[in-house]
PDB file of all heavy atoms in Angstrom:
ATOM      1  N   ALA A   1     205.247 188.146  94.622  1.00  0.00           N
ATOM      2  CA  ALA A   1     204.566 189.206  95.383  1.00  0.00           C
ATOM      3  C   ALA A   1     203.667 188.579  96.439  1.00  0.00           C
ATOM      4  O   ALA A   1     203.116 187.505  96.246  1.00  0.00           O
ATOM      5  CB  ALA A   1     203.750 190.082  94.451  1.00  0.00           C
ATOM      6  N   LYS A   2     203.539 189.248  97.556  1.00  0.00           N
ATOM      7  CA  LYS A   2     202.715 188.767  98.661  1.00  0.00           C
ATOM      8  C   LYS A   2     201.390 189.516  98.673  1.00  0.00           C
ATOM      9  O   LYS A   2     201.372 190.736  98.557  1.00  0.00           O
ATOM     10  CB  LYS A   2     203.433 188.973 100.003  1.00  0.00           C
ATOM     11  CG  LYS A   2     204.767 188.263 100.097  1.00  0.00           C
ATOM     12  CD  LYS A   2     204.581 186.769 100.092  1.00  0.00           C
ATOM     13  CE  LYS A   2     205.911 186.057 100.195  1.00  0.00           C
ATOM     14  NZ  LYS A   2     205.989 184.859  99.436  1.00  0.00           N
ATOM     15  N   PRO A   3     200.282 188.775  98.852  1.00  0.00           N
ATOM     16  CA  PRO A   3     198.990 189.458  98.945  1.00  0.00           C
ATOM     17  C   PRO A   3     198.932 190.361 100.171  1.00  0.00           C
ATOM     18  O   PRO A   3     199.572 190.097 101.183  1.00  0.00           O
ATOM     19  CB  PRO A   3     197.981 188.299  99.088  1.00  0.00           C
ATOM     20  CG  PRO A   3     198.701 187.079  98.630  1.00  0.00           C
ATOM     21  CD  PRO A   3     200.159 187.329  98.887  1.00  0.00           C
ATOM     22  N   ASP A   4     198.168 191.427 100.082  1.00  0.00           N
ATOM     23  CA  ASP A   4     197.970 192.348 101.192  1.00  0.00           C
ATOM     24  C   ASP A   4     197.077 191.675 102.231  1.00  0.00           C
ATOM     25  O   ASP A   4     195.919 191.374 101.954  1.00  0.00           O
ATOM     26  CB  ASP A   4     197.307 193.620 100.661  1.00  0.00           C
ATOM     27  CG  ASP A   4     197.074 194.665 101.726  1.00  0.00           C
ATOM     28  OD1 ASP A   4     197.282 194.366 102.916  1.00  0.00           O
ATOM     29  OD2 ASP A   4     196.679 195.785 101.360  1.00  0.00           O
ATOM     30  N   PRO A   5     197.598 191.414 103.453  1.00  0.00           N
ATOM     31  CA  PRO A   5     196.798 190.710 104.445  1.00  0.00           C
ATOM     32  C   PRO A   5     195.518 191.449 104.826  1.00  0.00           C
ATOM     33  O   PRO A   5     194.528 190.832 105.183  1.00  0.00           O
ATOM     34  CB  PRO A   5     197.720 190.583 105.663  1.00  0.00           C
ATOM     35  CG  PRO A   5     199.018 191.180 105.305  1.00  0.00           C
ATOM     36  CD  PRO A   5     198.921 191.742 103.919  1.00  0.00           C
ATOM     37  N   ALA A   6     195.516 192.769 104.719  1.00  0.00           N
ATOM     38  CA  ALA A   6     194.314 193.530 105.056  1.00  0.00           C
ATOM     39  C   ALA A   6     193.164 193.182 104.114  1.00  0.00           C
ATOM     40  O   ALA A   6     192.005 193.267 104.483  1.00  0.00           O
ATOM     41  CB  ALA A   6     194.608 195.020 105.003  1.00  0.00           C
ATOM     42  N   LEU A   7     193.500 192.803 102.893  1.00  0.00           N
ATOM     43  CA  LEU A   7     192.463 192.444 101.933  1.00  0.00           C
ATOM     44  C   LEU A   7     192.093 190.967 102.010  1.00  0.00           C
ATOM     45  O   LEU A   7     191.140 190.540 101.373  1.00  0.00           O
ATOM     46  CB  LEU A   7     192.917 192.791 100.516  1.00  0.00           C
ATOM     47  CG  LEU A   7     193.125 194.279 100.258  1.00  0.00           C
ATOM     48  CD1 LEU A   7     193.675 194.514  98.861  1.00  0.00           C
ATOM     49  CD2 LEU A   7     191.841 195.054 100.463  1.00  0.00           C
ATOM     50  N   ALA A   8     192.832 190.191 102.793  1.00  0.00           N
ATOM     51  CA  ALA A   8     192.528 188.773 102.926  1.00  0.00           C
ATOM     52  C   ALA A   8     191.310 188.533 103.803  1.00  0.00           C
ATOM     53  O   ALA A   8     190.573 187.571 103.606  1.00  0.00           O
ATOM     54  CB  ALA A   8     193.735 188.024 103.487  1.00  0.00           C
ATOM     55  N   ALA A   9     191.070 189.415 104.787  1.00  0.00           N
ATOM     56  CA  ALA A   9     189.958 189.212 105.728  1.00  0.00           C
ATOM     57  C   ALA A   9     188.609 189.091 105.019  1.00  0.00           C
ATOM     58  O   ALA A   9     187.855 188.146 105.301  1.00  0.00           O
ATOM     59  CB  ALA A   9     189.939 190.313 106.778  1.00  0.00           C
ATOM     60  N   PRO A  10     188.264 189.994 104.076  1.00  0.00           N
ATOM     61  CA  PRO A  10     186.966 189.838 103.409  1.00  0.00           C
ATOM     62  C   PRO A  10     186.857 188.522 102.628  1.00  0.00           C
ATOM     63  O   PRO A  10     185.797 187.881 102.638  1.00  0.00           O
ATOM     64  CB  PRO A  10     186.893 191.043 102.466  1.00  0.00           C
ATOM     65  CG  PRO A  10     187.818 192.048 103.064  1.00  0.00           C
ATOM     66  CD  PRO A  10     188.916 191.251 103.704  1.00  0.00           C
ATOM     67  N   GLY A  11     187.933 188.123 101.975  1.00  0.00           N
ATOM     68  CA  GLY A  11     187.905 186.873 101.217  1.00  0.00           C
ATOM     69  C   GLY A  11     187.748 185.658 102.119  1.00  0.00           C
ATOM     70  O   GLY A  11     186.948 184.761 101.838  1.00  0.00           O
ATOM     71  N   LEU A  12     188.506 185.633 103.205  1.00  0.00           N
ATOM     72  CA  LEU A  12     188.384 184.529 104.159  1.00  0.00           C
ATOM     73  C   LEU A  12     186.995 184.518 104.781  1.00  0.00           C
ATOM     74  O   LEU A  12     186.384 183.453 104.938  1.00  0.00           O
ATOM     75  CB  LEU A  12     189.459 184.629 105.244  1.00  0.00           C
ATOM     76  CG  LEU A  12     190.882 184.279 104.805  1.00  0.00           C
ATOM     77  CD1 LEU A  12     191.882 184.642 105.892  1.00  0.00           C
ATOM     78  CD2 LEU A  12     190.988 182.806 104.459  1.00  0.00           C
ATOM     79  N   ALA A  13     186.499 185.692 105.145  1.00  0.00           N
ATOM     80  CA  ALA A  13     185.171 185.771 105.755  1.00  0.00           C
ATOM     81  C   ALA A  13     184.097 185.251 104.804  1.00  0.00           C
ATOM     82  O   ALA A  13     183.199 184.511 105.221  1.00  0.00           O
ATOM     83  CB  ALA A  13     184.863 187.205 106.176  1.00  0.00           C
ATOM     84  N   SER A  14     184.192 185.608 103.525  1.00  0.00           N
ATOM     85  CA  SER A  14     183.167 185.139 102.588  1.00  0.00           C
ATOM     86  C   SER A  14     183.239 183.626 102.403  1.00  0.00           C
ATOM     87  O   SER A  14     182.206 182.965 102.294  1.00  0.00           O
ATOM     88  CB  SER A  14     183.263 185.868 101.247  1.00  0.00           C
ATOM     89  OG  SER A  14     184.456 185.565 100.590  1.00  0.00           O
ATOM     90  N   LEU A  15     184.453 183.066 102.407  1.00  0.00           N
ATOM     91  CA  LEU A  15     184.583 181.608 102.325  1.00  0.00           C
ATOM     92  C   LEU A  15     184.026 180.938 103.579  1.00  0.00           C
ATOM     93  O   LEU A  15     183.333 179.922 103.491  1.00  0.00           O
ATOM     94  CB  LEU A  15     186.053 181.207 102.128  1.00  0.00           C
ATOM     95  CG  LEU A  15     186.617 181.369 100.727  1.00  0.00           C
ATOM     96  CD1 LEU A  15     188.123 181.168 100.730  1.00  0.00           C
ATOM     97  CD2 LEU A  15     185.953 180.395  99.764  1.00  0.00           C
ATOM     98  N   ILE A  16     184.341 181.493 104.740  1.00  0.00           N
ATOM     99  CA  ILE A  16     183.841 180.942 106.004  1.00  0.00           C
ATOM    100  C   ILE A  16     182.312 181.017 106.030  1.00  0.00           C
ATOM    101  O   ILE A  16     181.641 180.042 106.394  1.00  0.00           O
ATOM    102  CB  ILE A  16     184.473 181.677 107.207  1.00  0.00           C
ATOM    103  CG1 ILE A  16     185.961 181.324 107.308  1.00  0.00           C
ATOM    104  CG2 ILE A  16     183.741 181.357 108.509  1.00  0.00           C
ATOM    105  CD1 ILE A  16     186.764 182.234 108.218  1.00  0.00           C
ATOM    106  N   HIS A  17     181.775 182.153 105.622  1.00  0.00           N
ATOM    107  CA  HIS A  17     180.319 182.348 105.596  1.00  0.00           C
ATOM    108  C   HIS A  17     179.661 181.328 104.654  1.00  0.00           C
ATOM    109  O   HIS A  17     178.641 180.707 105.007  1.00  0.00           O
ATOM    110  CB  HIS A  17     180.009 183.780 105.169  1.00  0.00           C
ATOM    111  CG  HIS A  17     178.560 184.109 105.138  1.00  0.00           C
ATOM    112  ND1 HIS A  17     177.800 184.240 106.277  1.00  0.00           N
ATOM    113  CD2 HIS A  17     177.713 184.325 104.094  1.00  0.00           C
ATOM    114  CE1 HIS A  17     176.553 184.529 105.947  1.00  0.00           C
ATOM    115  NE2 HIS A  17     176.480 184.590 104.623  1.00  0.00           N
ATOM    116  N   ALA A  18     180.239 181.160 103.474  1.00  0.00           N
ATOM    117  CA  ALA A  18     179.679 180.206 102.502  1.00  0.00           C
ATOM    118  C   ALA A  18     179.797 178.769 103.020  1.00  0.00           C
ATOM    119  O   ALA A  18     178.864 177.974 102.870  1.00  0.00           O
ATOM    120  CB  ALA A  18     180.381 180.350 101.156  1.00  0.00           C
ATOM    121  N   ALA A  19     180.931 178.437 103.635  1.00  0.00           N
ATOM    122  CA  ALA A  19     181.117 177.092 104.193  1.00  0.00           C
ATOM    123  C   ALA A  19     180.119 176.837 105.320  1.00  0.00           C
ATOM    124  O   ALA A  19     179.535 175.756 105.426  1.00  0.00           O
ATOM    125  CB  ALA A  19     182.544 176.917 104.697  1.00  0.00           C
ATOM    126  N   ARG A  20     179.914 177.843 106.152  1.00  0.00           N
ATOM    127  CA  ARG A  20     178.944 177.725 107.254  1.00  0.00           C
ATOM    128  C   ARG A  20     177.542 177.505 106.700  1.00  0.00           C
ATOM    129  O   ARG A  20     176.730 176.808 107.286  1.00  0.00           O
ATOM    130  CB  ARG A  20     178.988 178.971 108.127  1.00  0.00           C
ATOM    131  CG  ARG A  20     178.035 178.923 109.314  1.00  0.00           C
ATOM    132  CD  ARG A  20     178.367 180.007 110.325  1.00  0.00           C
ATOM    133  NE  ARG A  20     177.333 180.160 111.320  1.00  0.00           N
ATOM    134  CZ  ARG A  20     177.072 179.313 112.305  1.00  0.00           C
ATOM    135  NH1 ARG A  20     177.808 178.219 112.418  1.00  0.00           N
ATOM    136  NH2 ARG A  20     176.111 179.539 113.166  1.00  0.00           N
ATOM    137  N   GLY A  21     177.273 178.082 105.536  1.00  0.00           N
ATOM    138  CA  GLY A  21     175.971 177.926 104.894  1.00  0.00           C
ATOM    139  C   GLY A  21     175.823 176.616 104.129  1.00  0.00           C
ATOM    140  O   GLY A  21     174.802 176.373 103.507  1.00  0.00           O
ATOM    141  N   GLY A  22     176.861 175.786 104.145  1.00  0.00           N
ATOM    142  CA  GLY A  22     176.774 174.471 103.516  1.00  0.00           C
ATOM    143  C   GLY A  22     177.329 174.383 102.112  1.00  0.00           C
ATOM    144  O   GLY A  22     177.144 173.372 101.437  1.00  0.00           O
ATOM    145  N   ASN A  23     178.034 175.401 101.643  1.00  0.00           N
ATOM    146  CA  ASN A  23     178.616 175.366 100.299  1.00  0.00           C
ATOM    147  C   ASN A  23     179.818 174.431 100.311  1.00  0.00           C
ATOM    148  O   ASN A  23     180.846 174.746 100.920  1.00  0.00           O
ATOM    149  CB  ASN A  23     179.027 176.782  99.888  1.00  0.00           C
ATOM    150  CG  ASN A  23     179.621 176.840  98.504  1.00  0.00           C
ATOM    151  OD1 ASN A  23     180.465 176.035  98.144  1.00  0.00           O
ATOM    152  ND2 ASN A  23     179.191 177.823  97.737  1.00  0.00           N
ATOM    153  N   PRO A  24     179.736 173.271  99.637  1.00  0.00           N
ATOM    154  CA  PRO A  24     180.836 172.297  99.690  1.00  0.00           C
ATOM    155  C   PRO A  24     182.125 172.804  99.037  1.00  0.00           C
ATOM    156  O   PRO A  24     183.215 172.498  99.510  1.00  0.00           O
ATOM    157  CB  PRO A  24     180.286 171.074  98.956  1.00  0.00           C
ATOM    158  CG  PRO A  24     179.138 171.563  98.152  1.00  0.00           C
ATOM    159  CD  PRO A  24     178.616 172.789  98.835  1.00  0.00           C
ATOM    160  N   GLN A  25     182.001 173.608  97.979  1.00  0.00           N
ATOM    161  CA  GLN A  25     183.193 174.137  97.313  1.00  0.00           C
ATOM    162  C   GLN A  25     183.934 175.094  98.251  1.00  0.00           C
ATOM    163  O   GLN A  25     185.155 175.028  98.380  1.00  0.00           O
ATOM    164  CB  GLN A  25     182.809 174.834  96.016  1.00  0.00           C
ATOM    165  CG  GLN A  25     184.001 175.339  95.234  1.00  0.00           C
ATOM    166  CD  GLN A  25     183.592 176.027  93.935  1.00  0.00           C
ATOM    167  OE1 GLN A  25     182.419 176.164  93.615  1.00  0.00           O
ATOM    168  NE2 GLN A  25     184.574 176.471  93.184  1.00  0.00           N
ATOM    169  N   ALA A  26     183.190 175.969  98.922  1.00  0.00           N
ATOM    170  CA  ALA A  26     183.815 176.897  99.867  1.00  0.00           C
ATOM    171  C   ALA A  26     184.461 176.139 101.011  1.00  0.00           C
ATOM    172  O   ALA A  26     185.564 176.477 101.443  1.00  0.00           O
ATOM    173  CB  ALA A  26     182.778 177.883 100.406  1.00  0.00           C
ATOM    174  N   LEU A  27     183.801 175.098 101.486  1.00  0.00           N
ATOM    175  CA  LEU A  27     184.359 174.294 102.577  1.00  0.00           C
ATOM    176  C   LEU A  27     185.664 173.633 102.148  1.00  0.00           C
ATOM    177  O   LEU A  27     186.641 173.640 102.898  1.00  0.00           O
ATOM    178  CB  LEU A  27     183.344 173.245 103.038  1.00  0.00           C
ATOM    179  CG  LEU A  27     183.732 172.423 104.249  1.00  0.00           C
ATOM    180  CD1 LEU A  27     184.014 173.308 105.456  1.00  0.00           C
ATOM    181  CD2 LEU A  27     182.635 171.420 104.584  1.00  0.00           C
ATOM    182  N   GLN A  28     185.687 173.114 100.935  1.00  0.00           N
ATOM    183  CA  GLN A  28     186.906 172.473 100.429  1.00  0.00           C
ATOM    184  C   GLN A  28     188.039 173.496 100.293  1.00  0.00           C
ATOM    185  O   GLN A  28     189.168 173.237 100.711  1.00  0.00           O
ATOM    186  CB  GLN A  28     186.636 171.815  99.078  1.00  0.00           C
ATOM    187  CG  GLN A  28     187.873 171.148  98.499  1.00  0.00           C
ATOM    188  CD  GLN A  28     187.632 170.547  97.126  1.00  0.00           C
ATOM    189  OE1 GLN A  28     186.537 170.582  96.594  1.00  0.00           O
ATOM    190  NE2 GLN A  28     188.669 169.986  96.552  1.00  0.00           N
ATOM    191  N   ILE A  29     187.740 174.655  99.741  1.00  0.00           N
ATOM    192  CA  ILE A  29     188.765 175.681  99.533  1.00  0.00           C
ATOM    193  C   ILE A  29     189.315 176.157 100.873  1.00  0.00           C
ATOM    194  O   ILE A  29     190.533 176.232 101.064  1.00  0.00           O
ATOM    195  CB  ILE A  29     188.205 176.865  98.717  1.00  0.00           C
ATOM    196  CG1 ILE A  29     187.924 176.423  97.286  1.00  0.00           C
ATOM    197  CG2 ILE A  29     189.164 178.054  98.736  1.00  0.00           C
ATOM    198  CD1 ILE A  29     187.111 177.429  96.484  1.00  0.00           C
ATOM    199  N   ILE A  30     188.428 176.457 101.833  1.00  0.00           N
ATOM    200  CA  ILE A  30     188.885 176.973 103.121  1.00  0.00           C
ATOM    201  C   ILE A  30     189.645 175.893 103.890  1.00  0.00           C
ATOM    202  O   ILE A  30     190.616 176.191 104.585  1.00  0.00           O
ATOM    203  CB  ILE A  30     187.723 177.594 103.943  1.00  0.00           C
ATOM    204  CG1 ILE A  30     188.253 178.494 105.059  1.00  0.00           C
ATOM    205  CG2 ILE A  30     186.818 176.546 104.526  1.00  0.00           C
ATOM    206  CD1 ILE A  30     188.753 179.819 104.635  1.00  0.00           C
ATOM    207  N   ALA A  31     189.249 174.635 103.742  1.00  0.00           N
ATOM    208  CA  ALA A  31     189.963 173.536 104.402  1.00  0.00           C
ATOM    209  C   ALA A  31     191.379 173.407 103.840  1.00  0.00           C
ATOM    210  O   ALA A  31     192.350 173.222 104.594  1.00  0.00           O
ATOM    211  CB  ALA A  31     189.205 172.222 104.241  1.00  0.00           C
ATOM    212  N   GLU A  32     191.508 173.529 102.527  1.00  0.00           N
ATOM    213  CA  GLU A  32     192.829 173.447 101.897  1.00  0.00           C
ATOM    214  C   GLU A  32     193.702 174.629 102.312  1.00  0.00           C
ATOM    215  O   GLU A  32     194.898 174.472 102.561  1.00  0.00           O
ATOM    216  CB  GLU A  32     192.696 173.368 100.383  1.00  0.00           C
ATOM    217  CG  GLU A  32     192.137 172.043  99.910  1.00  0.00           C
ATOM    218  CD  GLU A  32     191.779 172.015  98.437  1.00  0.00           C
ATOM    219  OE1 GLU A  32     192.055 172.999  97.716  1.00  0.00           O
ATOM    220  OE2 GLU A  32     191.211 170.995  98.005  1.00  0.00           O
ATOM    221  N   MET A  33     193.093 175.807 102.402  1.00  0.00           N
ATOM    222  CA  MET A  33     193.844 176.991 102.836  1.00  0.00           C
ATOM    223  C   MET A  33     194.323 176.810 104.279  1.00  0.00           C
ATOM    224  O   MET A  33     195.475 177.114 104.592  1.00  0.00           O
ATOM    225  CB  MET A  33     192.971 178.247 102.723  1.00  0.00           C
ATOM    226  CG  MET A  33     192.715 178.684 101.310  1.00  0.00           C
ATOM    227  SD  MET A  33     191.555 180.064 101.218  1.00  0.00           S
ATOM    228  CE  MET A  33     192.550 181.375 101.881  1.00  0.00           C
ATOM    229  N   ALA A  34     193.438 176.308 105.135  1.00  0.00           N
ATOM    230  CA  ALA A  34     193.807 176.098 106.540  1.00  0.00           C
ATOM    231  C   ALA A  34     194.934 175.080 106.657  1.00  0.00           C
ATOM    232  O   ALA A  34     195.857 175.257 107.459  1.00  0.00           O
ATOM    233  CB  ALA A  34     192.584 175.653 107.342  1.00  0.00           C
ATOM    234  N   GLU A  35     194.878 174.050 105.826  1.00  0.00           N
ATOM    235  CA  GLU A  35     195.942 173.047 105.839  1.00  0.00           C
ATOM    236  C   GLU A  35     197.284 173.664 105.443  1.00  0.00           C
ATOM    237  O   GLU A  35     198.317 173.417 106.077  1.00  0.00           O
ATOM    238  CB  GLU A  35     195.590 171.894 104.897  1.00  0.00           C
ATOM    239  CG  GLU A  35     196.622 170.782 104.902  1.00  0.00           C
ATOM    240  CD  GLU A  35     196.258 169.645 103.947  1.00  0.00           C
ATOM    241  OE1 GLU A  35     195.063 169.493 103.611  1.00  0.00           O
ATOM    242  OE2 GLU A  35     197.178 168.924 103.546  1.00  0.00           O
TER     243      GLU A  35
END
């Protein structure tokens, strides 16, 4: 099954926000997702 892309925006935004705030775990997760 494929995730609903409309629901991905809040999750990505929260990871980006946390990474911007210096959360190393969020930065690692978002970096892996981007890769």
